Amino acid sequence: MAAVDLGSRRIGVAVSDGTGTLASPRCTVERSGDPDADRASVVAAVLEAGAGHLVVGLPLSLDGRRRRAAVAAEEEATALRALLAPEGVDVETFDERLTTVSAERALAAAGRSGRTRRRVVDQAAAAVLLQTWLDARRPAR
């Protein structure tokens, strides 16, 4: 499994372990200004990780509405789905509310400086997103 956090400057990528239990940050794709090139970089990272499923963060507003950013994320998910379907990778969106806030707090608590946090926050947010998605699918005990 893999997940992406679609930032305006960077795209964070996270992957899960082979058992689908634990999510980890993988890499950050710097936005180039060319959406096709950015998508190709995301596709390469997902395929390199051997993921069979990609979760795209859906930035709903706090009241659950789909605003401009959510519509853009859905469009991005559709474009990625078209590129990844021939490779056998399923793509879905998942509510990402507050994942970046959680990632920022965790990085700050770990002692990461502001500059270092900015470089890795998108991939950390993708890991929070993926972990939340994985946990939501785990059977209750």
C-alpha atoms as a PDB file:
ATOM      1  CA  MET A   1       0.000   0.000   0.000  1.00  0.00           C
ATOM      2  CA  ALA A   2       1.071   3.562  -0.631  1.00  0.00           C
ATOM      3  CA  ALA A   3      -0.369   7.012   0.027  1.00  0.00           C
ATOM      4  CA  VAL A   4       0.220  10.514  -1.277  1.00  0.00           C
ATOM      5  CA  ASP A   5      -0.306  13.874   0.371  1.00  0.00           C
ATOM      6  CA  LEU A   6      -0.775  16.414  -2.428  1.00  0.00           C
ATOM      7  CA  GLY A   7       0.831  19.656  -1.341  1.00  0.00           C
ATOM      8  CA  SER A   8       1.030  22.745  -3.526  1.00  0.00           C
ATOM      9  CA  ARG A   9       4.855  22.646  -3.546  1.00  0.00           C
ATOM     10  CA  ARG A  10       5.572  19.030  -2.660  1.00  0.00           C
ATOM     11  CA  ILE A  11       3.890  15.644  -2.854  1.00  0.00           C
ATOM     12  CA  GLY A  12       4.578  13.366   0.091  1.00  0.00           C
ATOM     13  CA  VAL A  13       4.700   9.628  -0.492  1.00  0.00           C
ATOM     14  CA  ALA A  14       4.401   6.933   2.197  1.00  0.00           C
ATOM     15  CA  VAL A  15       4.300   3.140   2.026  1.00  0.00           C
ATOM     16  CA  SER A  16       3.234   0.340   4.335  1.00  0.00           C
ATOM     17  CA  ASP A  17       5.151  -2.720   5.397  1.00  0.00           C
ATOM     18  CA  GLY A  18       4.394  -6.028   3.700  1.00  0.00           C
ATOM     19  CA  THR A  19       1.732  -6.934   6.245  1.00  0.00           C
ATOM     20  CA  GLY A  20      -0.182  -3.680   5.788  1.00  0.00           C
ATOM     21  CA  THR A  21       0.258  -2.860   9.465  1.00  0.00           C
ATOM     22  CA  LEU A  22       2.711   0.032   9.658  1.00  0.00           C
ATOM     23  CA  ALA A  23       3.023   3.108   7.421  1.00  0.00           C
ATOM     24  CA  SER A  24       6.353   4.877   6.878  1.00  0.00           C
ATOM     25  CA  PRO A  25       7.377   8.011   5.003  1.00  0.00           C
ATOM     26  CA  ARG A  26       9.004   7.122   1.655  1.00  0.00           C
ATOM     27  CA  CYS A  27       9.948  10.245  -0.291  1.00  0.00           C
ATOM     28  CA  THR A  28       8.944  13.733  -1.338  1.00  0.00           C
ATOM     29  CA  VAL A  29       8.307  14.736  -4.941  1.00  0.00           C
ATOM     30  CA  GLU A  30       9.060  18.405  -5.513  1.00  0.00           C
ATOM     31  CA  ARG A  31       6.414  19.978  -7.741  1.00  0.00           C
ATOM     32  CA  SER A  32       7.976  20.871 -11.089  1.00  0.00           C
ATOM     33  CA  GLY A  33       5.156  22.935 -12.561  1.00  0.00           C
ATOM     34  CA  ASP A  34       4.479  20.116 -15.031  1.00  0.00           C
ATOM     35  CA  PRO A  35       1.587  17.983 -13.705  1.00  0.00           C
ATOM     36  CA  ASP A  36       2.399  15.102 -16.066  1.00  0.00           C
ATOM     37  CA  ALA A  37       6.017  14.964 -14.854  1.00  0.00           C
ATOM     38  CA  ASP A  38       4.870  15.139 -11.236  1.00  0.00           C
ATOM     39  CA  ARG A  39       2.421  12.280 -11.803  1.00  0.00           C
ATOM     40  CA  ALA A  40       5.141  10.239 -13.511  1.00  0.00           C
ATOM     41  CA  SER A  41       7.329  10.698 -10.411  1.00  0.00           C
ATOM     42  CA  VAL A  42       4.497   9.580  -8.134  1.00  0.00           C
ATOM     43  CA  VAL A  43       3.752   6.566 -10.339  1.00  0.00           C
ATOM     44  CA  ALA A  44       7.454   5.615 -10.329  1.00  0.00           C
ATOM     45  CA  ALA A  45       7.592   5.801  -6.518  1.00  0.00           C
ATOM     46  CA  VAL A  46       4.422   3.713  -6.142  1.00  0.00           C
ATOM     47  CA  LEU A  47       5.625   1.057  -8.580  1.00  0.00           C
ATOM     48  CA  GLU A  48       9.120   1.005  -7.066  1.00  0.00           C
ATOM     49  CA  ALA A  49       7.534   0.315  -3.681  1.00  0.00           C
ATOM     50  CA  GLY A  50       5.565  -2.570  -5.181  1.00  0.00           C
ATOM     51  CA  ALA A  51       2.275  -1.131  -3.940  1.00  0.00           C
ATOM     52  CA  GLY A  52      -0.953  -2.611  -5.223  1.00  0.00           C
ATOM     53  CA  HIS A  53      -3.075   0.172  -3.785  1.00  0.00           C
ATOM     54  CA  LEU A  54      -2.663   3.959  -3.652  1.00  0.00           C
ATOM     55  CA  VAL A  55      -4.528   6.196  -1.223  1.00  0.00           C
ATOM     56  CA  VAL A  56      -4.766   9.850  -2.274  1.00  0.00           C
ATOM     57  CA  GLY A  57      -5.420  12.333   0.500  1.00  0.00           C
ATOM     58  CA  LEU A  58      -8.750  14.125   0.147  1.00  0.00           C
ATOM     59  CA  PRO A  59      -8.566  17.519   1.898  1.00  0.00           C
ATOM     60  CA  LEU A  60     -12.149  17.977   2.986  1.00  0.00           C
ATOM     61  CA  SER A  61     -12.987  21.108   4.959  1.00  0.00           C
ATOM     62  CA  LEU A  62     -13.458  20.646   8.697  1.00  0.00           C
ATOM     63  CA  ASP A  63     -17.230  20.520   8.190  1.00  0.00           C
ATOM     64  CA  GLY A  64     -16.780  17.732   5.612  1.00  0.00           C
ATOM     65  CA  ARG A  65     -17.468  19.783   2.489  1.00  0.00           C
ATOM     66  CA  ARG A  66     -15.618  19.319  -0.792  1.00  0.00           C
ATOM     67  CA  ARG A  67     -14.086  22.636  -1.681  1.00  0.00           C
ATOM     68  CA  ARG A  68     -11.536  23.604  -4.331  1.00  0.00           C
ATOM     69  CA  ALA A  69      -8.631  21.601  -2.852  1.00  0.00           C
ATOM     70  CA  ALA A  70     -10.764  18.461  -2.536  1.00  0.00           C
ATOM     71  CA  VAL A  71     -12.001  18.771  -6.117  1.00  0.00           C
ATOM     72  CA  ALA A  72      -8.384  19.163  -7.293  1.00  0.00           C
ATOM     73  CA  ALA A  73      -7.355  16.072  -5.282  1.00  0.00           C
ATOM     74  CA  GLU A  74     -10.185  14.052  -6.824  1.00  0.00           C
ATOM     75  CA  GLU A  75      -9.056  15.142 -10.288  1.00  0.00           C
ATOM     76  CA  GLU A  76      -5.486  14.139  -9.425  1.00  0.00           C
ATOM     77  CA  ALA A  77      -6.699  10.761  -8.164  1.00  0.00           C
ATOM     78  CA  THR A  78      -8.556  10.225 -11.445  1.00  0.00           C
ATOM     79  CA  ALA A  79      -5.398  11.037 -13.437  1.00  0.00           C
ATOM     80  CA  LEU A  80      -3.276   8.720 -11.273  1.00  0.00           C
ATOM     81  CA  ARG A  81      -5.901   5.977 -11.557  1.00  0.00           C
ATOM     82  CA  ALA A  82      -5.636   6.154 -15.365  1.00  0.00           C
ATOM     83  CA  LEU A  83      -1.847   5.758 -15.143  1.00  0.00           C
ATOM     84  CA  LEU A  84      -1.794   3.065 -12.464  1.00  0.00           C
ATOM     85  CA  ALA A  85      -4.760   0.872 -13.494  1.00  0.00           C
ATOM     86  CA  PRO A  86      -2.771  -0.771 -16.330  1.00  0.00           C
ATOM     87  CA  GLU A  87      -0.138  -1.651 -13.704  1.00  0.00           C
ATOM     88  CA  GLY A  88      -2.768  -3.321 -11.495  1.00  0.00           C
ATOM     89  CA  VAL A  89      -2.735  -0.599  -8.836  1.00  0.00           C
ATOM     90  CA  ASP A  90      -6.064   0.498  -7.354  1.00  0.00           C
ATOM     91  CA  VAL A  91      -6.453   4.183  -6.462  1.00  0.00           C
ATOM     92  CA  GLU A  92      -8.884   5.678  -3.974  1.00  0.00           C
ATOM     93  CA  THR A  93      -9.274   8.909  -2.026  1.00  0.00           C
ATOM     94  CA  PHE A  94      -9.452   9.085   1.762  1.00  0.00           C
ATOM     95  CA  ASP A  95     -10.236  11.927   4.144  1.00  0.00           C
ATOM     96  CA  GLU A  96      -6.979  13.576   5.167  1.00  0.00           C
ATOM     97  CA  ARG A  97      -8.287  16.239   7.539  1.00  0.00           C
ATOM     98  CA  LEU A  98      -5.613  17.291  10.034  1.00  0.00           C
ATOM     99  CA  THR A  99      -2.927  14.873   8.782  1.00  0.00           C
ATOM    100  CA  THR A 100      -0.475  17.713   8.115  1.00  0.00           C
ATOM    101  CA  VAL A 101      -1.176  19.192  11.543  1.00  0.00           C
ATOM    102  CA  SER A 102      -0.524  15.783  13.161  1.00  0.00           C
ATOM    103  CA  ALA A 103       2.658  15.334  11.141  1.00  0.00           C
ATOM    104  CA  GLU A 104       3.909  18.838  12.046  1.00  0.00           C
ATOM    105  CA  ARG A 105       3.319  18.190  15.748  1.00  0.00           C
ATOM    106  CA  ALA A 106       5.059  14.809  15.647  1.00  0.00           C
ATOM    107  CA  LEU A 107       8.073  16.258  13.825  1.00  0.00           C
ATOM    108  CA  ALA A 108       8.294  19.164  16.271  1.00  0.00           C
ATOM    109  CA  ALA A 109       8.041  16.769  19.220  1.00  0.00           C
ATOM    110  CA  ALA A 110      10.894  14.757  17.686  1.00  0.00           C
ATOM    111  CA  GLY A 111      13.025  17.905  17.722  1.00  0.00           C
ATOM    112  CA  ARG A 112      13.033  18.600  13.994  1.00  0.00           C
ATOM    113  CA  SER A 113      13.837  22.212  13.117  1.00  0.00           C
ATOM    114  CA  GLY A 114      11.439  24.316  11.057  1.00  0.00           C
ATOM    115  CA  ARG A 115      13.549  23.984   7.901  1.00  0.00           C
ATOM    116  CA  THR A 116      13.889  20.219   8.273  1.00  0.00           C
ATOM    117  CA  ARG A 117      10.175  19.871   9.028  1.00  0.00           C
ATOM    118  CA  ARG A 118       9.222  21.714   5.837  1.00  0.00           C
ATOM    119  CA  ARG A 119      11.284  19.265   3.753  1.00  0.00           C
ATOM    120  CA  VAL A 120       9.659  16.155   5.215  1.00  0.00           C
ATOM    121  CA  VAL A 121       6.215  17.209   6.450  1.00  0.00           C
ATOM    122  CA  ASP A 122       4.439  16.092   3.262  1.00  0.00           C
ATOM    123  CA  GLN A 123       5.822  12.559   3.445  1.00  0.00           C
ATOM    124  CA  ALA A 124       5.104  12.455   7.188  1.00  0.00           C
ATOM    125  CA  ALA A 125       1.526  13.590   6.459  1.00  0.00           C
ATOM    126  CA  ALA A 126       1.248  10.842   3.829  1.00  0.00           C
ATOM    127  CA  ALA A 127       2.363   8.333   6.483  1.00  0.00           C
ATOM    128  CA  VAL A 128      -0.291   9.626   8.926  1.00  0.00           C
ATOM    129  CA  LEU A 129      -2.882   9.346   6.146  1.00  0.00           C
ATOM    130  CA  LEU A 130      -1.839   5.809   5.246  1.00  0.00           C
ATOM    131  CA  GLN A 131      -1.706   4.683   8.883  1.00  0.00           C
ATOM    132  CA  THR A 132      -5.209   6.059   9.462  1.00  0.00           C
ATOM    133  CA  TRP A 133      -6.432   4.255   6.328  1.00  0.00           C
ATOM    134  CA  LEU A 134      -4.772   0.991   7.405  1.00  0.00           C
ATOM    135  CA  ASP A 135      -6.188   1.249  10.925  1.00  0.00           C
ATOM    136  CA  ALA A 136      -9.693   1.913   9.564  1.00  0.00           C
ATOM    137  CA  ARG A 137      -9.529  -1.364   7.638  1.00  0.00           C
ATOM    138  CA  ARG A 138      -8.187  -3.474  10.488  1.00  0.00           C
ATOM    139  CA  PRO A 139     -10.865  -5.702  12.015  1.00  0.00           C
ATOM    140  CA  ALA A 140     -11.987  -4.687  15.503  1.00  0.00           C
ATOM    141  CA  ARG A 141     -10.831  -6.991  18.270  1.00  0.00           C
END
